[in-house]
Structure formats: structure tokens, C-alpha cells
Protein backbone atom coordinates (compact mmCIF):
# COMPACT_ATOMS: atom_id res chain seq x y z
CA MET A 1 -8.04 -9.21 -17.44
CA SER A 2 -4.14 -8.76 -17.48
CA PHE A 3 -2.59 -6.06 -14.93
CA ILE A 4 -1.86 -2.64 -16.57
CA PRO A 5 0.83 -0.71 -14.91
CA VAL A 6 0.80 3.11 -14.42
CA HIS A 7 4.57 4.01 -14.04
CA ASN A 8 5.27 5.75 -10.80
CA VAL A 9 1.70 6.57 -10.32
CA ALA A 10 -0.46 5.81 -7.01
CA GLN A 11 -4.29 5.27 -6.69
CA LEU A 12 -5.14 7.16 -3.96
CA GLU A 13 -8.77 5.96 -1.36
CA TYR A 14 -10.38 8.38 0.57
CA ILE A 15 -12.34 5.49 2.46
CA TYR A 16 -15.73 6.76 4.12
CA ARG A 17 -18.00 5.32 6.99
CA TRP A 18 -21.61 7.13 6.60
CA ASP A 19 -24.56 5.67 7.93
CA GLY A 20 -22.93 2.45 8.97
CA GLN A 21 -22.11 2.13 4.97
CA ILE A 22 -18.51 1.90 3.44
CA VAL A 23 -18.27 4.54 0.38
CA GLN A 24 -14.86 5.97 -0.91
CA ASN A 25 -13.30 8.06 -3.93
CA VAL A 26 -10.39 7.18 -5.67
CA LEU A 27 -8.00 10.19 -7.45
CA HIS A 28 -4.70 8.87 -8.85
CA TYR A 29 -1.52 11.21 -8.43
CA GLY A 30 1.47 11.11 -10.53
CA CYS A 31 5.25 11.33 -8.57
CA SER A 32 8.20 12.82 -9.49
CA SER A 33 10.19 10.07 -8.73
CA THR A 34 10.71 6.22 -8.06
CA VAL A 35 7.27 5.36 -6.05
CA ASP A 36 8.32 3.63 -2.65
CA VAL A 37 6.57 3.36 1.00
CA GLU A 38 8.39 6.72 2.07
CA SER A 39 7.13 8.67 -0.95
CA LEU A 40 3.62 7.26 -0.48
CA GLN A 41 3.47 7.66 3.34
CA ALA A 42 4.11 11.40 2.17
CA LEU A 43 1.50 11.13 -0.11
CA THR A 44 -1.09 10.16 2.01
CA THR A 45 -0.17 12.71 5.36
CA ALA A 46 -0.48 15.40 2.65
CA ALA A 47 -3.71 13.95 1.38
CA ILE A 48 -5.25 13.88 5.05
CA ALA A 49 -3.68 17.41 5.57
CA TRP A 50 -5.45 18.44 1.97
CA TRP A 51 -8.89 16.62 3.02
CA THR A 52 -8.95 18.19 6.78
CA THR A 53 -8.31 21.85 5.69
CA HIS A 54 -10.06 22.01 2.26
CA LEU A 55 -12.84 19.15 1.56
CA ARG A 56 -13.74 18.60 5.09
CA PRO A 57 -15.89 21.77 5.37
CA ASN A 58 -17.74 20.30 2.62
CA ILE A 59 -18.74 17.50 3.90
CA SER A 60 -21.34 16.43 6.06
CA SER A 61 -21.07 15.79 9.96
CA ALA A 62 -22.81 12.33 9.33
CA CYS A 63 -20.10 11.06 6.88
CA SER A 64 -16.58 10.74 8.47
CA LEU A 65 -13.30 9.95 6.93
CA ILE A 66 -11.95 6.74 8.38
CA THR A 67 -8.65 5.73 6.17
CA VAL A 68 -6.56 6.88 3.75
CA ARG A 69 -5.24 4.17 1.07
CA ALA A 70 -2.51 4.76 -1.42
CA THR A 71 -1.08 1.61 -3.82
CA ASP A 72 1.62 2.27 -6.48
CA LEU A 73 0.53 0.99 -9.95
CA THR A 74 4.24 0.54 -11.39
CA THR A 75 3.95 -3.15 -10.65
CA GLN A 76 1.06 -5.71 -9.30
CA THR A 77 3.83 -6.21 -6.38
CA GLY A 78 4.48 -2.70 -5.68
CA PRO A 79 3.74 -1.14 -2.14
CA VAL A 80 0.77 -0.23 -0.84
CA VAL A 81 0.42 2.09 2.36
CA GLU A 82 -2.74 2.95 4.64
CA ASP A 83 -2.54 5.46 6.61
CA THR A 84 -5.21 6.60 9.60
CA THR A 85 -3.39 9.11 11.75
CA GLY A 86 -6.00 11.58 13.21
CA LEU A 87 -8.94 9.62 11.99
CA PRO A 88 -11.60 8.65 11.98
CA LEU A 89 -12.88 12.26 11.30
CA ALA A 90 -16.43 13.68 11.18
CA GLY A 91 -16.87 16.35 8.20
CA SER A 92 -17.60 19.98 9.75
CA GLY A 93 -20.06 21.10 7.49
CA SER A 94 -24.13 21.02 8.44
CA SER A 95 -25.41 18.14 10.46
CA SER A 96 -27.83 17.21 7.92
CA ALA A 97 -26.76 15.21 4.83
CA GLN A 98 -28.38 14.05 1.44
CA PRO A 99 -29.51 10.69 0.91
CA ASN A 100 -25.79 8.32 0.82
CA ASN A 101 -26.62 8.57 -3.32
CA VAL A 102 -27.14 11.94 -3.84
CA THR A 103 -23.65 13.31 -5.13
CA VAL A 104 -22.49 16.06 -7.63
CA ALA A 105 -19.93 15.28 -10.30
CA ILE A 106 -16.52 17.45 -10.24
CA LYS A 107 -14.74 16.89 -13.82
CA LEU A 108 -10.93 16.47 -13.94
CA ILE A 109 -9.96 18.57 -16.69
CA THR A 110 -6.08 18.20 -18.31
CA ALA A 111 -4.76 20.18 -21.35
CA ASN A 112 -5.59 17.30 -23.74
CA ARG A 113 -9.01 16.28 -25.14
CA GLY A 114 -10.73 12.90 -25.39
CA ARG A 115 -11.82 9.92 -22.95
CA SER A 116 -8.63 9.25 -21.91
CA PHE A 117 -7.83 12.86 -20.73
CA ARG A 118 -10.78 13.51 -18.27
CA GLY A 119 -11.84 11.98 -14.72
CA ARG A 120 -14.46 12.63 -12.60
CA VAL A 121 -14.95 12.65 -8.60
CA PHE A 122 -18.36 11.80 -7.29
CA HIS A 123 -18.57 14.16 -3.87
CA VAL A 124 -19.23 12.14 -0.68
CA GLY A 125 -21.26 13.67 2.05
CA LEU A 126 -23.06 16.68 0.36
CA SER A 127 -24.73 18.51 3.05
CA GLY A 128 -28.50 18.67 3.59
CA THR A 129 -28.44 22.50 2.60
CA ALA A 130 -26.39 22.13 -0.42
CA VAL A 131 -29.13 21.45 -2.56
CA VAL A 132 -31.64 23.33 -4.19
CA ALA A 133 -34.13 22.00 -6.25
CA ASN A 134 -32.02 20.16 -8.42
CA GLU A 135 -29.06 22.25 -8.16
CA VAL A 136 -25.94 22.22 -5.82
CA SER A 137 -25.92 25.83 -4.73
CA THR A 138 -23.63 28.03 -6.29
CA THR A 139 -21.46 28.85 -2.52
CA THR A 140 -21.04 24.56 -2.98
CA ARG A 141 -19.91 24.49 -6.39
CA THR A 142 -17.30 27.39 -5.60
CA ASN A 143 -16.14 25.90 -2.30
CA LEU A 144 -15.74 22.32 -4.08
CA ARG A 145 -14.35 23.79 -7.09
CA ASN A 146 -11.81 25.66 -4.68
CA ALA A 147 -10.72 22.49 -2.63
CA TYR A 148 -10.00 20.60 -5.86
CA LEU A 149 -7.73 23.19 -7.34
CA ALA A 150 -5.99 22.80 -3.57
CA ALA A 151 -5.64 19.21 -4.45
CA PHE A 152 -3.46 19.43 -7.70
CA ILE A 153 0.18 19.41 -5.65
CA LEU A 154 0.03 17.40 -2.49
CA SER A 155 3.37 16.63 -1.77
CA THR A 156 6.54 18.54 -2.96
CA ALA A 157 8.81 16.08 -1.74
CA PRO A 158 8.44 14.10 -3.67
CA THR A 159 6.22 15.73 -5.90
CA TRP A 160 2.66 14.08 -6.13
CA SER A 161 0.70 15.93 -9.11
CA LEU A 162 -2.58 14.68 -9.66
CA VAL A 163 -3.80 13.05 -12.70
CA VAL A 164 -6.02 11.49 -14.86
CA ALA A 165 -4.97 7.90 -15.08
CA SER A 166 -6.10 5.97 -18.77
CA LYS A 167 -5.85 1.84 -18.69
CA PHE A 168 -7.98 1.79 -22.06
CA THR A 169 -7.81 2.99 -25.55
CA ASN A 170 -10.43 2.68 -28.08
CA ASN A 171 -12.10 0.34 -25.93
CA ALA A 172 -9.22 -1.48 -25.53
CA PRO A 173 -6.28 -2.20 -22.81
CA ARG A 174 -3.20 -0.56 -23.08
CA LEU A 175 -0.10 -2.20 -22.31
CA GLU A 176 1.12 0.54 -20.18
CA GLY A 177 -1.72 3.01 -18.58
CA LEU A 178 -1.23 6.86 -19.28
CA ALA A 179 -0.96 9.92 -16.95
CA THR A 180 -1.67 13.10 -17.82
CA VAL A 181 -1.76 16.07 -15.36
CA VAL A 182 -5.17 17.71 -14.30
CA SER A 183 -5.13 21.28 -14.90
CA ASP A 184 -8.35 22.66 -14.49
CA VAL A 185 -11.29 21.18 -12.59
CA SER A 186 -15.09 22.32 -12.83
CA VAL A 187 -18.56 21.08 -11.23
CA ASN A 188 -21.83 20.28 -12.67
CA PRO A 189 -24.59 22.01 -11.07
CA THR A 190 -27.03 19.51 -11.74
CA VAL A 191 -27.11 16.83 -8.84
CA ASP A 192 -25.98 13.01 -9.77
CA SER A 193 -26.73 9.81 -8.32
CA GLN A 194 -24.72 6.66 -6.89
CA ARG A 195 -27.57 3.98 -6.49
CA ARG A 196 -24.07 1.63 -5.04
CA ARG A 197 -23.76 4.37 -2.25
CA LEU A 198 -26.99 3.51 -0.89
CA PRO A 199 -26.78 1.22 2.39
CA GLU A 200 -25.94 -2.24 1.67
CA ARG A 201 -25.21 -1.81 -1.70
CA GLY A 202 -21.62 -1.63 -1.66
CA VAL A 203 -19.20 1.13 -2.62
């Protein structure tokens, strides 16, 4: 498939090691200026700081963040930055963890309706004490929502804003990707499963 540009948007990858398995989460951020190496570095620096302050307490100590990677989506040959400053860092939550595939979905909401304007993040490193029966505890849901609310703006020089990036419409590729700013988040109480996070399955 041909490359689909998303102008002044970076793909931000949080890459973890969990029980010997490499797993990751991907978010997208729109930049207030032209994307270059310096602005990507500002993004990864702010991303590690956000993770350390807000998300790390919600991740089991059995899971460690090892790299944050930011890739410019404006062109197919745009810059990429990999940041390992201060890493690896283990989660500071419960030492026990749910099996690697057990997760919870965080929904990214914009002011528009339709599939092109919604996103999801499947949490990595869910603590063993976070789940009661088949639901994530109320405390965990609140903590995760607050963490992602704090991720809306990661950097102000330049400003990097959390967006939903859409490269398809009506199952057809767009000529240019569409980025829409995230305005709210919600956490689904029912646990979900990411089978490819099981050992030896991939990311």
C-alpha cells in the first residue's frame, strides 16, 4: 500500500519489555509547527516525563518501559527519534501482573462522530489487583482516565496535542491522513484481550 501522509503529525510508540516479550502502545500527536528532529526530541522528552508521572503508577513492576520512539508522518522519509533517556523504568504499581494478554481499552474521543474520529489504547502491564471478576476496579479506571487526560498536551515548545489519526474512510485509503484533536477519554470497565501480547506471539 502506498504511503499516506499525515501532515505535522508524529506516531509516538511506547515500547515495553514484559516477561521477555516486547509489547507497545501507539499514540499520535499533532504539532503546532513543522516537524523536525528537535521537535520530535521535545515530544519524546515530554512523553517519558508524562509516563513516569502519570502512567507508571498504573503499570505492574513486572513491566518496563525501554524506549519511546517518535516518527514524523508528514513524509515517507521524515525524521525519527528514539529516546532511552532514564530508561528502562519498571512500573511502580503492584509487583504482580495480569497475564500479558489481559488489558483494558481506553477510548479516545473527539468532538466529531464516526469511525475516523475515535481511537483506542489497550493498556500495557495491568496489575494483578486491578481486576475484580471480569471488570477493572473503579479506582484503576479513574486513575487511567486521569492519566490520559494529562496526556492531551505533552509539550508546549512546540505544542504537541494528542490526536486521532485516520488514514482510511469508507474502507478506502485517504490521499492525506486526517488528524483530529482528542477532547475526552473514557475507560471501558470490562477487561479485554490482546492475544498477540502473549509470549512468543509478537507485539
